[in-house]
C-alpha cells in the first residue's frame, strides 16, 4: 500500500484502490471510495490533501514519465473536480467569515483545480473565499478586489510557461493596490520561477499545503 508521512491511515487504506480507479476513469468507484471516507467522518482536509492532491500529483508524475497519456491525465482531473464538488458543501458551514481572500488562475492558465482547492482550504479555516477560476483577465481580478476589499489575494500557476501571465497579474495588482498581501503557488514552481517573484514586495510563494494552512490560520506570513 502507498503511504505518505502524516497522512490519515483511513485514507491510506483505500488510496491504491482510489488511484487505480482514477487512472481507469472509473468515476463510480472513485465516488464509492470518497463516500465511504465521508461516512467514516474523515476530515475534509484529509480528503483534499491525502487523497485528491496526492493522487493528482502521482498522476502528473506518471504523465511526465510517459507512463500515462494526456487523455488519462485530463480524465483524472475531471473526475477529481467531481469528487471535490461532492464533498465541497461541507466546506462552507460554520460561523460568520470576517477575513476575505480572492483566488484566481491567471490569464491563459486553464488548470483551475489547485486554485479551487486552495480557496476551499481557506474556507475550512474560517475565511470567505472568492474563487474566480481559470483564465482570469486582469480587469476581472481587479474588479473583484475593488468590490470585496480582500485581506489577501491568491494566484495559482500550474504551467511554467504561463509565468509571464502571472508576472503581468502581479504588476496589475501591485499598481492598483501597493500594500495588498499576495500569495502565489502551484505546480509550475517545481520548474523554477521563484527568483522572478523577488522584486515584488509583499508577495509570498507558498510551496506546501502546510505553508498555506499556516497563513490561513494566522501562524505564518503574510
N, C-alpha and C. Protein backbone atom coordinates (compact mmCIF):
# COMPACT_ATOMS: atom_id res chain seq x y z
N UNK A 1 0.85 -1.20 0.00
CA UNK A 1 0.00 0.00 0.00
C UNK A 1 0.88 1.24 0.00
N UNK A 2 0.51 2.25 -0.81
CA UNK A 2 1.25 3.51 -0.86
C UNK A 2 0.89 4.38 0.33
N UNK A 3 1.89 4.88 1.05
CA UNK A 3 1.65 5.75 2.18
C UNK A 3 2.52 6.99 2.07
N UNK A 4 2.12 8.03 2.75
CA UNK A 4 2.95 9.22 2.83
C UNK A 4 2.98 9.68 4.27
N UNK A 5 4.08 10.26 4.73
CA UNK A 5 4.21 10.66 6.13
C UNK A 5 3.10 11.62 6.53
N UNK A 6 2.48 11.33 7.69
CA UNK A 6 1.49 12.24 8.23
C UNK A 6 0.11 12.13 7.64
N UNK A 7 -0.10 11.23 6.70
CA UNK A 7 -1.41 11.12 6.09
C UNK A 7 -2.37 10.34 6.98
N UNK A 8 -3.66 10.49 6.73
CA UNK A 8 -4.68 9.81 7.51
C UNK A 8 -4.66 8.32 7.18
N UNK A 9 -4.50 7.44 8.18
CA UNK A 9 -4.43 6.00 7.88
C UNK A 9 -5.69 5.46 7.22
N UNK A 10 -6.83 6.09 7.47
CA UNK A 10 -8.06 5.64 6.81
C UNK A 10 -8.02 5.92 5.31
N UNK A 11 -7.38 7.02 4.95
CA UNK A 11 -7.19 7.32 3.54
C UNK A 11 -6.15 6.38 2.94
N UNK A 12 -5.06 6.14 3.68
CA UNK A 12 -4.03 5.22 3.21
C UNK A 12 -4.61 3.85 2.85
N UNK A 13 -5.59 3.40 3.65
CA UNK A 13 -6.12 2.05 3.47
C UNK A 13 -6.88 1.88 2.15
N UNK A 14 -7.34 2.98 1.56
CA UNK A 14 -8.11 2.89 0.30
C UNK A 14 -7.43 3.64 -0.83
N UNK A 15 -6.24 4.21 -0.57
CA UNK A 15 -5.62 5.07 -1.56
C UNK A 15 -5.30 4.34 -2.87
N UNK A 16 -4.72 3.17 -2.79
CA UNK A 16 -4.36 2.45 -4.00
C UNK A 16 -5.60 2.11 -4.83
N UNK A 17 -6.67 1.75 -4.16
CA UNK A 17 -7.93 1.47 -4.86
C UNK A 17 -8.43 2.72 -5.56
N UNK A 18 -8.36 3.85 -4.87
CA UNK A 18 -8.82 5.11 -5.46
C UNK A 18 -7.96 5.50 -6.66
N UNK A 19 -6.63 5.42 -6.50
CA UNK A 19 -5.74 5.80 -7.59
C UNK A 19 -5.95 4.92 -8.81
N UNK A 20 -6.08 3.62 -8.60
CA UNK A 20 -6.31 2.71 -9.73
C UNK A 20 -7.61 3.05 -10.45
N UNK A 21 -8.64 3.36 -9.68
CA UNK A 21 -9.92 3.73 -10.28
C UNK A 21 -9.82 5.04 -11.04
N UNK A 22 -9.05 5.98 -10.49
CA UNK A 22 -8.86 7.27 -11.14
C UNK A 22 -8.15 7.08 -12.48
N UNK A 23 -7.13 6.25 -12.50
CA UNK A 23 -6.37 6.01 -13.73
C UNK A 23 -7.20 5.28 -14.78
N UNK A 24 -8.16 4.48 -14.33
CA UNK A 24 -9.03 3.76 -15.26
C UNK A 24 -10.25 4.57 -15.67
N UNK A 25 -10.40 5.76 -15.09
CA UNK A 25 -11.57 6.59 -15.41
C UNK A 25 -12.85 6.08 -14.80
N UNK A 26 -12.74 5.31 -13.71
CA UNK A 26 -13.91 4.72 -13.06
C UNK A 26 -14.48 5.68 -12.02
N UNK A 27 -15.30 6.60 -12.52
CA UNK A 27 -15.84 7.63 -11.63
C UNK A 27 -16.73 7.05 -10.54
N UNK A 28 -17.50 6.02 -10.84
CA UNK A 28 -18.40 5.43 -9.85
C UNK A 28 -17.61 4.83 -8.70
N UNK A 29 -16.50 4.15 -9.02
CA UNK A 29 -15.68 3.56 -7.98
C UNK A 29 -15.00 4.64 -7.13
N UNK A 30 -14.52 5.70 -7.77
CA UNK A 30 -13.94 6.82 -7.02
C UNK A 30 -14.96 7.42 -6.07
N UNK A 31 -16.18 7.58 -6.55
CA UNK A 31 -17.26 8.12 -5.72
C UNK A 31 -17.52 7.23 -4.52
N UNK A 32 -17.50 5.91 -4.75
CA UNK A 32 -17.72 4.97 -3.65
C UNK A 32 -16.65 5.12 -2.58
N UNK A 33 -15.40 5.28 -3.00
CA UNK A 33 -14.32 5.46 -2.03
C UNK A 33 -14.52 6.73 -1.22
N UNK A 34 -14.82 7.82 -1.91
CA UNK A 34 -14.97 9.11 -1.24
C UNK A 34 -16.17 9.09 -0.30
N UNK A 35 -17.27 8.54 -0.74
CA UNK A 35 -18.46 8.48 0.12
C UNK A 35 -18.20 7.61 1.34
N UNK A 36 -17.43 6.54 1.18
CA UNK A 36 -17.09 5.70 2.32
C UNK A 36 -16.25 6.44 3.34
N UNK A 37 -15.31 7.24 2.87
CA UNK A 37 -14.48 8.02 3.77
C UNK A 37 -15.30 9.10 4.48
N UNK A 38 -16.20 9.73 3.76
CA UNK A 38 -17.05 10.74 4.39
C UNK A 38 -17.97 10.11 5.43
N UNK A 39 -18.48 8.92 5.13
CA UNK A 39 -19.33 8.22 6.10
C UNK A 39 -18.54 7.87 7.36
N UNK A 40 -17.24 7.65 7.19
CA UNK A 40 -16.38 7.38 8.34
C UNK A 40 -15.87 8.63 9.02
N UNK A 41 -16.40 9.79 8.62
CA UNK A 41 -16.08 11.08 9.22
C UNK A 41 -14.60 11.44 9.08
N UNK A 42 -14.01 11.06 7.96
CA UNK A 42 -12.67 11.52 7.65
C UNK A 42 -12.73 13.02 7.39
N UNK A 43 -11.87 13.83 8.00
CA UNK A 43 -11.94 15.28 7.82
C UNK A 43 -11.77 15.70 6.37
N UNK A 44 -12.43 16.78 6.02
CA UNK A 44 -12.33 17.29 4.67
C UNK A 44 -10.89 17.61 4.30
N UNK A 45 -10.14 18.14 5.23
CA UNK A 45 -8.75 18.46 4.97
C UNK A 45 -7.99 17.22 4.51
N UNK A 46 -8.24 16.08 5.12
CA UNK A 46 -7.57 14.84 4.73
C UNK A 46 -7.98 14.40 3.34
N UNK A 47 -9.26 14.58 3.00
CA UNK A 47 -9.70 14.23 1.65
C UNK A 47 -9.00 15.10 0.61
N UNK A 48 -8.92 16.37 0.87
CA UNK A 48 -8.31 17.29 -0.08
C UNK A 48 -6.82 17.01 -0.26
N UNK A 49 -6.12 16.80 0.85
CA UNK A 49 -4.66 16.71 0.79
C UNK A 49 -4.20 15.26 0.61
N UNK A 50 -4.70 14.35 1.45
CA UNK A 50 -4.19 12.98 1.46
C UNK A 50 -4.75 12.13 0.33
N UNK A 51 -5.88 12.55 -0.25
CA UNK A 51 -6.48 11.77 -1.34
C UNK A 51 -6.43 12.52 -2.66
N UNK A 52 -7.13 13.65 -2.76
CA UNK A 52 -7.25 14.33 -4.05
C UNK A 52 -5.91 14.87 -4.55
N UNK A 53 -5.25 15.67 -3.72
CA UNK A 53 -3.99 16.26 -4.16
C UNK A 53 -2.93 15.19 -4.38
N UNK A 54 -2.84 14.29 -3.45
CA UNK A 54 -1.83 13.22 -3.54
C UNK A 54 -1.98 12.40 -4.82
N UNK A 55 -3.23 12.03 -5.14
CA UNK A 55 -3.47 11.23 -6.34
C UNK A 55 -3.18 12.02 -7.60
N UNK A 56 -3.58 13.30 -7.63
CA UNK A 56 -3.33 14.11 -8.82
C UNK A 56 -1.83 14.33 -9.04
N UNK A 57 -1.08 14.53 -7.97
CA UNK A 57 0.36 14.67 -8.11
C UNK A 57 0.97 13.39 -8.67
N UNK A 58 0.46 12.24 -8.22
CA UNK A 58 1.01 10.98 -8.71
C UNK A 58 0.65 10.77 -10.18
N UNK A 59 -0.57 11.12 -10.56
CA UNK A 59 -0.96 11.04 -11.97
C UNK A 59 -0.07 11.96 -12.81
N UNK A 60 0.18 13.17 -12.31
CA UNK A 60 1.05 14.09 -13.02
C UNK A 60 2.45 13.55 -13.20
N UNK A 61 2.97 12.90 -12.16
CA UNK A 61 4.30 12.29 -12.26
C UNK A 61 4.31 11.18 -13.31
N UNK A 62 3.25 10.38 -13.33
CA UNK A 62 3.17 9.30 -14.33
C UNK A 62 3.11 9.87 -15.75
N UNK A 63 2.40 10.98 -15.91
CA UNK A 63 2.34 11.61 -17.22
C UNK A 63 3.72 12.13 -17.64
N UNK A 64 4.41 12.76 -16.71
CA UNK A 64 5.74 13.28 -17.02
C UNK A 64 6.71 12.17 -17.40
N UNK A 65 6.48 10.97 -16.86
CA UNK A 65 7.32 9.81 -17.18
C UNK A 65 6.82 9.05 -18.41
N UNK A 66 5.80 9.61 -19.09
CA UNK A 66 5.22 8.97 -20.27
C UNK A 66 4.62 7.60 -19.98
N UNK A 67 4.13 7.45 -18.76
CA UNK A 67 3.52 6.17 -18.37
C UNK A 67 2.01 6.21 -18.47
N UNK A 68 1.44 7.41 -18.58
CA UNK A 68 0.02 7.56 -18.87
C UNK A 68 -0.13 8.65 -19.92
N UNK A 69 -1.25 8.64 -20.63
CA UNK A 69 -1.48 9.59 -21.72
C UNK A 69 -2.03 10.91 -21.19
N UNK A 70 -2.00 11.91 -22.07
CA UNK A 70 -2.62 13.20 -21.75
C UNK A 70 -4.11 13.00 -21.47
N UNK A 71 -4.75 12.11 -22.23
CA UNK A 71 -6.18 11.86 -22.03
C UNK A 71 -6.45 11.32 -20.63
N UNK A 72 -5.59 10.41 -20.16
CA UNK A 72 -5.74 9.86 -18.82
C UNK A 72 -5.58 10.95 -17.77
N UNK A 73 -4.58 11.82 -17.95
CA UNK A 73 -4.36 12.92 -17.01
C UNK A 73 -5.54 13.87 -16.98
N UNK A 74 -6.09 14.19 -18.13
CA UNK A 74 -7.25 15.08 -18.20
C UNK A 74 -8.48 14.44 -17.55
N UNK A 75 -8.68 13.14 -17.81
CA UNK A 75 -9.82 12.45 -17.22
C UNK A 75 -9.70 12.39 -15.70
N UNK A 76 -8.48 12.15 -15.20
CA UNK A 76 -8.28 12.12 -13.76
C UNK A 76 -8.60 13.47 -13.13
N UNK A 77 -8.21 14.55 -13.81
CA UNK A 77 -8.51 15.89 -13.31
C UNK A 77 -10.01 16.13 -13.30
N UNK A 78 -10.70 15.72 -14.36
CA UNK A 78 -12.15 15.93 -14.45
C UNK A 78 -12.88 15.14 -13.36
N UNK A 79 -12.44 13.92 -13.11
CA UNK A 79 -13.07 13.12 -12.05
C UNK A 79 -12.82 13.76 -10.69
N UNK A 80 -11.60 14.24 -10.48
CA UNK A 80 -11.29 14.89 -9.20
C UNK A 80 -12.14 16.13 -8.99
N UNK A 81 -12.38 16.89 -10.06
CA UNK A 81 -13.30 18.04 -9.97
C UNK A 81 -14.66 17.58 -9.45
N UNK A 82 -15.14 16.46 -9.93
CA UNK A 82 -16.42 15.94 -9.47
C UNK A 82 -16.35 15.51 -8.00
N UNK A 83 -15.24 14.92 -7.60
CA UNK A 83 -15.11 14.48 -6.21
C UNK A 83 -15.06 15.70 -5.27
N UNK A 84 -14.36 16.75 -5.69
CA UNK A 84 -14.34 17.98 -4.90
C UNK A 84 -15.75 18.54 -4.77
N UNK A 85 -16.48 18.56 -5.88
CA UNK A 85 -17.86 19.07 -5.84
C UNK A 85 -18.73 18.22 -4.92
N UNK A 86 -18.43 16.93 -4.84
CA UNK A 86 -19.21 16.03 -3.98
C UNK A 86 -19.08 16.38 -2.51
N UNK A 87 -17.87 16.74 -2.09
CA UNK A 87 -17.65 16.99 -0.66
C UNK A 87 -17.68 18.48 -0.32
N UNK A 88 -17.65 19.34 -1.33
CA UNK A 88 -17.49 20.78 -1.11
C UNK A 88 -18.57 21.42 -0.25
N UNK A 89 -19.83 20.95 -0.28
CA UNK A 89 -20.82 21.61 0.58
C UNK A 89 -20.44 21.65 2.05
N UNK A 90 -19.65 20.67 2.49
CA UNK A 90 -19.21 20.66 3.88
C UNK A 90 -18.19 21.73 4.22
N UNK A 91 -17.64 22.38 3.20
CA UNK A 91 -16.61 23.40 3.42
C UNK A 91 -17.20 24.70 3.93
N UNK A 92 -18.44 24.98 3.55
CA UNK A 92 -18.94 26.35 3.68
C UNK A 92 -19.79 26.61 4.92
N UNK A 93 -19.84 25.66 5.85
CA UNK A 93 -20.62 25.88 7.06
C UNK A 93 -19.83 26.68 8.08
N UNK A 94 -20.39 26.75 9.29
CA UNK A 94 -19.67 27.41 10.38
C UNK A 94 -20.08 28.84 10.60
N UNK A 95 -19.27 29.54 11.38
CA UNK A 95 -19.58 30.89 11.81
C UNK A 95 -19.37 31.91 10.69
N UNK A 96 -19.79 33.14 10.97
CA UNK A 96 -19.60 34.22 10.00
C UNK A 96 -18.11 34.40 9.71
N UNK A 97 -17.82 34.70 8.45
CA UNK A 97 -16.43 34.77 8.00
C UNK A 97 -16.01 36.22 7.85
N UNK A 98 -14.99 36.60 8.60
CA UNK A 98 -14.57 38.01 8.63
C UNK A 98 -13.43 38.30 7.67
N UNK A 99 -12.51 37.34 7.50
CA UNK A 99 -11.39 37.55 6.60
C UNK A 99 -11.76 37.11 5.19
N UNK A 100 -11.22 37.81 4.21
CA UNK A 100 -11.59 37.57 2.82
C UNK A 100 -10.34 37.33 1.99
N UNK A 101 -10.41 36.32 1.11
CA UNK A 101 -9.35 36.08 0.14
C UNK A 101 -9.97 35.95 -1.25
N UNK A 102 -9.33 36.53 -2.24
CA UNK A 102 -9.69 36.35 -3.64
C UNK A 102 -8.64 35.44 -4.26
N UNK A 103 -9.09 34.35 -4.88
CA UNK A 103 -8.19 33.38 -5.51
C UNK A 103 -8.52 33.30 -6.99
N UNK A 104 -7.49 33.31 -7.83
CA UNK A 104 -7.71 33.25 -9.27
C UNK A 104 -6.58 32.50 -9.95
N UNK A 105 -6.88 31.91 -11.10
CA UNK A 105 -5.86 31.41 -12.01
C UNK A 105 -5.60 32.52 -13.03
N UNK A 106 -4.35 32.78 -13.32
CA UNK A 106 -4.01 33.92 -14.15
C UNK A 106 -4.43 33.69 -15.60
N UNK A 107 -4.37 34.75 -16.40
CA UNK A 107 -4.73 34.66 -17.81
C UNK A 107 -3.92 33.56 -18.49
N UNK A 108 -4.60 32.79 -19.35
CA UNK A 108 -4.02 31.68 -20.11
C UNK A 108 -3.75 30.45 -19.27
N UNK A 109 -4.16 30.47 -18.01
CA UNK A 109 -3.98 29.31 -17.13
C UNK A 109 -5.33 28.61 -16.98
N UNK A 110 -5.43 27.39 -17.52
CA UNK A 110 -6.70 26.68 -17.56
C UNK A 110 -6.78 25.53 -16.56
N UNK A 111 -5.74 25.30 -15.80
CA UNK A 111 -5.76 24.27 -14.76
C UNK A 111 -6.22 24.92 -13.47
N UNK A 112 -7.49 24.77 -13.15
CA UNK A 112 -8.07 25.52 -12.05
C UNK A 112 -8.24 24.75 -10.76
N UNK A 113 -8.03 23.43 -10.78
CA UNK A 113 -8.36 22.63 -9.61
C UNK A 113 -7.51 22.99 -8.40
N UNK A 114 -6.21 23.24 -8.60
CA UNK A 114 -5.36 23.60 -7.47
C UNK A 114 -5.82 24.87 -6.80
N UNK A 115 -6.18 25.88 -7.60
CA UNK A 115 -6.68 27.12 -7.03
C UNK A 115 -8.00 26.94 -6.30
N UNK A 116 -8.85 26.12 -6.86
CA UNK A 116 -10.14 25.85 -6.21
C UNK A 116 -9.94 25.16 -4.86
N UNK A 117 -9.06 24.20 -4.81
CA UNK A 117 -8.80 23.50 -3.55
C UNK A 117 -8.15 24.42 -2.52
N UNK A 118 -7.27 25.31 -2.98
CA UNK A 118 -6.67 26.27 -2.06
C UNK A 118 -7.74 27.19 -1.47
N UNK A 119 -8.66 27.66 -2.31
CA UNK A 119 -9.74 28.51 -1.82
C UNK A 119 -10.59 27.77 -0.79
N UNK A 120 -10.87 26.49 -1.06
CA UNK A 120 -11.66 25.70 -0.12
C UNK A 120 -10.94 25.50 1.20
N UNK A 121 -9.62 25.32 1.17
CA UNK A 121 -8.88 25.17 2.41
C UNK A 121 -8.94 26.44 3.26
N UNK A 122 -8.94 27.60 2.62
CA UNK A 122 -9.12 28.84 3.37
C UNK A 122 -10.52 28.89 3.97
N UNK A 123 -11.52 28.44 3.21
CA UNK A 123 -12.89 28.37 3.75
C UNK A 123 -12.93 27.47 4.99
N UNK A 124 -12.23 26.34 4.93
CA UNK A 124 -12.21 25.43 6.08
C UNK A 124 -11.64 26.10 7.32
N UNK A 125 -10.79 27.10 7.11
CA UNK A 125 -10.18 27.79 8.25
C UNK A 125 -10.86 29.13 8.53
N UNK A 126 -12.09 29.29 8.07
CA UNK A 126 -12.90 30.42 8.50
C UNK A 126 -12.84 31.66 7.64
N UNK A 127 -12.27 31.56 6.45
CA UNK A 127 -12.23 32.69 5.53
C UNK A 127 -13.43 32.67 4.60
N UNK A 128 -13.72 33.82 4.03
CA UNK A 128 -14.65 33.92 2.90
C UNK A 128 -13.79 33.96 1.64
N UNK A 129 -13.87 32.91 0.84
CA UNK A 129 -13.01 32.80 -0.34
C UNK A 129 -13.83 33.04 -1.61
N UNK A 130 -13.36 33.95 -2.44
CA UNK A 130 -13.94 34.19 -3.75
C UNK A 130 -12.99 33.56 -4.78
N UNK A 131 -13.46 32.52 -5.46
CA UNK A 131 -12.63 31.84 -6.44
C UNK A 131 -13.09 32.20 -7.84
N UNK A 132 -12.19 32.80 -8.61
CA UNK A 132 -12.53 33.28 -9.95
C UNK A 132 -12.34 32.24 -11.05
N UNK A 133 -11.62 31.17 -10.77
CA UNK A 133 -11.50 30.11 -11.76
C UNK A 133 -10.38 30.33 -12.75
N UNK A 134 -10.49 29.61 -13.87
CA UNK A 134 -9.42 29.58 -14.87
C UNK A 134 -9.41 30.84 -15.73
N UNK A 135 -8.21 31.15 -16.25
CA UNK A 135 -8.04 32.17 -17.28
C UNK A 135 -8.70 33.49 -16.90
N UNK A 136 -8.31 34.02 -15.74
CA UNK A 136 -8.93 35.24 -15.24
C UNK A 136 -8.25 36.48 -15.82
N UNK A 137 -8.96 37.31 -16.56
CA UNK A 137 -8.36 38.56 -17.06
C UNK A 137 -8.00 39.48 -15.90
N UNK A 138 -6.96 40.27 -16.11
CA UNK A 138 -6.53 41.19 -15.05
C UNK A 138 -7.66 42.13 -14.64
N UNK A 139 -8.44 42.57 -15.61
CA UNK A 139 -9.52 43.51 -15.31
C UNK A 139 -10.56 42.89 -14.38
N UNK A 140 -10.88 41.62 -14.60
CA UNK A 140 -11.86 40.94 -13.74
C UNK A 140 -11.32 40.76 -12.34
N UNK A 141 -10.03 40.41 -12.24
CA UNK A 141 -9.40 40.26 -10.93
C UNK A 141 -9.42 41.58 -10.17
N UNK A 142 -9.05 42.66 -10.84
CA UNK A 142 -9.03 43.97 -10.19
C UNK A 142 -10.43 44.42 -9.80
N UNK A 143 -11.42 44.12 -10.64
CA UNK A 143 -12.81 44.49 -10.31
C UNK A 143 -13.27 43.80 -9.04
N UNK A 144 -12.96 42.50 -8.90
CA UNK A 144 -13.40 41.77 -7.71
C UNK A 144 -12.64 42.23 -6.47
N UNK A 145 -11.37 42.53 -6.63
CA UNK A 145 -10.61 43.06 -5.49
C UNK A 145 -11.23 44.37 -5.01
N UNK A 146 -11.59 45.23 -5.94
CA UNK A 146 -12.21 46.51 -5.58
C UNK A 146 -13.55 46.30 -4.89
N UNK A 147 -14.28 45.30 -5.35
CA UNK A 147 -15.62 45.05 -4.80
C UNK A 147 -15.57 44.41 -3.42
N UNK A 148 -14.67 43.45 -3.21
CA UNK A 148 -14.68 42.66 -1.99
C UNK A 148 -13.71 43.15 -0.92
N UNK A 149 -12.75 44.02 -1.28
CA UNK A 149 -11.76 44.53 -0.34
C UNK A 149 -11.10 43.40 0.45
N UNK A 150 -10.43 42.47 -0.23
CA UNK A 150 -9.91 41.29 0.47
C UNK A 150 -8.72 41.60 1.36
N UNK A 151 -8.50 40.71 2.32
CA UNK A 151 -7.31 40.77 3.16
C UNK A 151 -6.11 40.15 2.46
N UNK A 152 -6.37 39.33 1.44
CA UNK A 152 -5.32 38.56 0.79
C UNK A 152 -5.78 38.18 -0.61
N UNK A 153 -4.82 38.11 -1.54
CA UNK A 153 -5.08 37.62 -2.89
C UNK A 153 -4.20 36.41 -3.13
N UNK A 154 -4.76 35.37 -3.75
CA UNK A 154 -4.01 34.17 -4.10
C UNK A 154 -4.05 33.94 -5.59
N UNK A 155 -2.89 33.72 -6.20
CA UNK A 155 -2.80 33.46 -7.64
C UNK A 155 -2.19 32.09 -7.87
N UNK A 156 -2.84 31.31 -8.73
CA UNK A 156 -2.43 29.94 -8.99
C UNK A 156 -1.80 29.81 -10.37
N UNK A 157 -0.69 29.05 -10.43
CA UNK A 157 0.00 28.83 -11.70
C UNK A 157 0.42 27.36 -11.79
N UNK A 158 -0.11 26.67 -12.79
CA UNK A 158 0.21 25.25 -12.95
C UNK A 158 1.22 24.99 -14.05
N UNK A 159 1.24 25.83 -15.08
CA UNK A 159 2.11 25.64 -16.23
C UNK A 159 3.22 26.68 -16.20
N UNK A 160 4.47 26.22 -16.17
CA UNK A 160 5.60 27.14 -16.03
C UNK A 160 5.65 28.16 -17.16
N UNK A 161 5.26 27.76 -18.36
CA UNK A 161 5.35 28.67 -19.50
C UNK A 161 4.35 29.82 -19.41
N UNK A 162 3.43 29.75 -18.45
CA UNK A 162 2.50 30.86 -18.23
C UNK A 162 3.02 31.85 -17.19
N UNK A 163 4.27 31.69 -16.78
CA UNK A 163 4.85 32.61 -15.79
C UNK A 163 4.72 34.08 -16.19
N UNK A 164 4.92 34.45 -17.48
CA UNK A 164 4.74 35.87 -17.84
C UNK A 164 3.34 36.39 -17.51
N UNK A 165 2.32 35.55 -17.63
CA UNK A 165 0.95 35.97 -17.28
C UNK A 165 0.83 36.23 -15.79
N UNK A 166 1.49 35.40 -14.99
CA UNK A 166 1.48 35.62 -13.55
C UNK A 166 2.16 36.94 -13.21
N UNK A 167 3.31 37.20 -13.80
CA UNK A 167 4.03 38.44 -13.50
C UNK A 167 3.23 39.66 -13.95
N UNK A 168 2.52 39.54 -15.07
CA UNK A 168 1.67 40.64 -15.52
C UNK A 168 0.53 40.88 -14.53
N UNK A 169 -0.03 39.80 -13.99
CA UNK A 169 -1.09 39.94 -12.99
C UNK A 169 -0.55 40.60 -11.72
N UNK A 170 0.64 40.20 -11.31
CA UNK A 170 1.25 40.83 -10.13
C UNK A 170 1.50 42.32 -10.37
N UNK A 171 1.96 42.66 -11.55
CA UNK A 171 2.17 44.08 -11.88
C UNK A 171 0.86 44.86 -11.78
N UNK A 172 -0.22 44.26 -12.31
CA UNK A 172 -1.51 44.95 -12.32
C UNK A 172 -2.06 45.14 -10.91
N UNK A 173 -1.96 44.09 -10.08
CA UNK A 173 -2.47 44.20 -8.72
C UNK A 173 -1.62 45.17 -7.91
N UNK A 174 -0.31 45.09 -8.07
CA UNK A 174 0.56 45.97 -7.32
C UNK A 174 0.35 47.44 -7.70
N UNK A 175 0.11 47.72 -8.97
CA UNK A 175 -0.12 49.10 -9.40
C UNK A 175 -1.37 49.67 -8.77
N UNK A 176 -2.40 48.84 -8.63
CA UNK A 176 -3.68 49.31 -8.08
C UNK A 176 -3.73 49.22 -6.56
N UNK A 177 -3.01 48.26 -6.00
CA UNK A 177 -3.08 48.00 -4.55
C UNK A 177 -1.68 47.70 -4.03
N UNK A 178 -0.89 48.73 -3.81
CA UNK A 178 0.53 48.53 -3.47
C UNK A 178 0.77 47.74 -2.19
N UNK A 179 -0.15 47.79 -1.25
CA UNK A 179 0.08 47.17 0.06
C UNK A 179 -0.70 45.88 0.29
N UNK A 180 -1.42 45.39 -0.71
CA UNK A 180 -2.25 44.20 -0.54
C UNK A 180 -1.38 42.94 -0.55
N UNK A 181 -1.41 42.13 0.50
CA UNK A 181 -0.62 40.90 0.51
C UNK A 181 -1.10 39.93 -0.58
N UNK A 182 -0.14 39.25 -1.20
CA UNK A 182 -0.44 38.31 -2.27
C UNK A 182 0.33 37.03 -2.01
N UNK A 183 -0.34 35.90 -2.21
CA UNK A 183 0.35 34.61 -2.20
C UNK A 183 0.24 34.00 -3.59
N UNK A 184 1.25 33.27 -3.99
CA UNK A 184 1.23 32.55 -5.26
C UNK A 184 1.68 31.12 -5.00
N UNK A 185 1.21 30.21 -5.85
CA UNK A 185 1.59 28.82 -5.71
C UNK A 185 1.14 28.01 -6.91
N UNK A 186 1.53 26.75 -6.90
CA UNK A 186 1.13 25.86 -7.98
C UNK A 186 2.28 25.00 -8.45
N UNK A 187 1.92 23.98 -9.22
CA UNK A 187 2.89 23.02 -9.71
C UNK A 187 3.95 23.64 -10.61
N UNK A 188 3.66 24.78 -11.22
CA UNK A 188 4.63 25.41 -12.12
C UNK A 188 5.95 25.68 -11.43
N UNK A 189 5.92 25.96 -10.14
CA UNK A 189 7.13 26.36 -9.44
C UNK A 189 8.06 25.18 -9.13
N UNK A 190 7.64 23.99 -9.52
CA UNK A 190 8.57 22.86 -9.46
C UNK A 190 9.71 23.05 -10.46
N UNK A 191 9.47 23.86 -11.49
CA UNK A 191 10.43 24.02 -12.58
C UNK A 191 11.19 25.34 -12.49
N UNK A 192 10.93 26.12 -11.46
CA UNK A 192 11.64 27.39 -11.32
C UNK A 192 10.66 28.55 -11.26
N UNK A 193 11.20 29.75 -11.35
CA UNK A 193 10.37 30.95 -11.36
C UNK A 193 10.36 31.71 -10.06
N UNK A 194 10.86 31.07 -8.98
CA UNK A 194 10.83 31.73 -7.68
C UNK A 194 11.60 33.04 -7.69
N UNK A 195 12.71 33.07 -8.43
CA UNK A 195 13.54 34.28 -8.47
C UNK A 195 12.80 35.46 -9.10
N UNK A 196 11.83 35.18 -9.97
CA UNK A 196 11.07 36.25 -10.62
C UNK A 196 10.16 37.00 -9.65
N UNK A 197 9.88 36.38 -8.51
CA UNK A 197 8.97 36.98 -7.54
C UNK A 197 9.68 37.92 -6.57
N UNK A 198 10.98 37.89 -6.55
CA UNK A 198 11.72 38.61 -5.51
C UNK A 198 11.63 40.12 -5.65
N UNK A 199 11.30 40.59 -6.83
CA UNK A 199 11.21 42.05 -7.00
C UNK A 199 9.90 42.62 -6.48
N UNK A 200 8.99 41.76 -6.06
CA UNK A 200 7.68 42.22 -5.59
C UNK A 200 7.64 42.21 -4.06
N UNK A 201 7.36 43.35 -3.48
CA UNK A 201 7.15 43.44 -2.03
C UNK A 201 5.80 42.83 -1.68
N UNK A 202 5.77 42.09 -0.59
CA UNK A 202 4.50 41.56 -0.10
C UNK A 202 3.94 40.41 -0.89
N UNK A 203 4.78 39.74 -1.69
CA UNK A 203 4.36 38.56 -2.45
C UNK A 203 5.08 37.34 -1.87
N UNK A 204 4.31 36.32 -1.48
CA UNK A 204 4.85 35.14 -0.84
C UNK A 204 4.57 33.91 -1.70
N UNK A 205 5.60 33.13 -1.96
CA UNK A 205 5.44 31.86 -2.66
C UNK A 205 5.08 30.78 -1.64
N UNK A 206 3.96 30.13 -1.86
CA UNK A 206 3.51 29.06 -0.97
C UNK A 206 3.87 27.72 -1.62
N UNK A 207 4.74 26.97 -0.95
CA UNK A 207 5.28 25.75 -1.55
C UNK A 207 4.55 24.49 -1.12
N UNK A 208 3.92 24.50 0.03
CA UNK A 208 3.27 23.30 0.55
C UNK A 208 1.90 23.64 1.13
N UNK A 209 1.10 22.61 1.31
CA UNK A 209 -0.20 22.80 1.95
C UNK A 209 -0.02 23.27 3.39
N UNK A 210 1.00 22.77 4.07
CA UNK A 210 1.26 23.21 5.44
C UNK A 210 1.54 24.71 5.49
N UNK A 211 2.31 25.21 4.51
CA UNK A 211 2.56 26.65 4.43
C UNK A 211 1.26 27.41 4.22
N UNK A 212 0.42 26.87 3.35
CA UNK A 212 -0.87 27.51 3.06
C UNK A 212 -1.72 27.60 4.32
N UNK A 213 -1.75 26.53 5.07
CA UNK A 213 -2.58 26.49 6.27
C UNK A 213 -2.02 27.37 7.38
N UNK A 214 -0.71 27.51 7.45
CA UNK A 214 -0.14 28.43 8.43
C UNK A 214 -0.60 29.87 8.14
N UNK A 215 -0.67 30.21 6.88
CA UNK A 215 -1.16 31.54 6.50
C UNK A 215 -2.65 31.66 6.84
N UNK A 216 -3.41 30.65 6.49
CA UNK A 216 -4.86 30.67 6.71
C UNK A 216 -5.20 30.77 8.19
N UNK A 217 -4.37 30.19 9.04
CA UNK A 217 -4.64 30.21 10.47
C UNK A 217 -3.94 31.34 11.21
N UNK A 218 -3.22 32.19 10.45
CA UNK A 218 -2.55 33.32 11.07
C UNK A 218 -1.25 33.00 11.75
N UNK A 219 -0.67 31.82 11.43
CA UNK A 219 0.57 31.41 12.06
C UNK A 219 1.78 31.51 11.13
N UNK A 220 1.57 32.17 10.02
CA UNK A 220 2.68 32.37 9.08
C UNK A 220 2.43 33.63 8.27
N UNK A 221 3.47 34.13 7.61
CA UNK A 221 3.28 35.32 6.78
C UNK A 221 2.55 34.91 5.51
N UNK A 222 1.78 35.85 4.86
CA UNK A 222 1.68 37.25 5.28
C UNK A 222 0.71 37.40 6.44
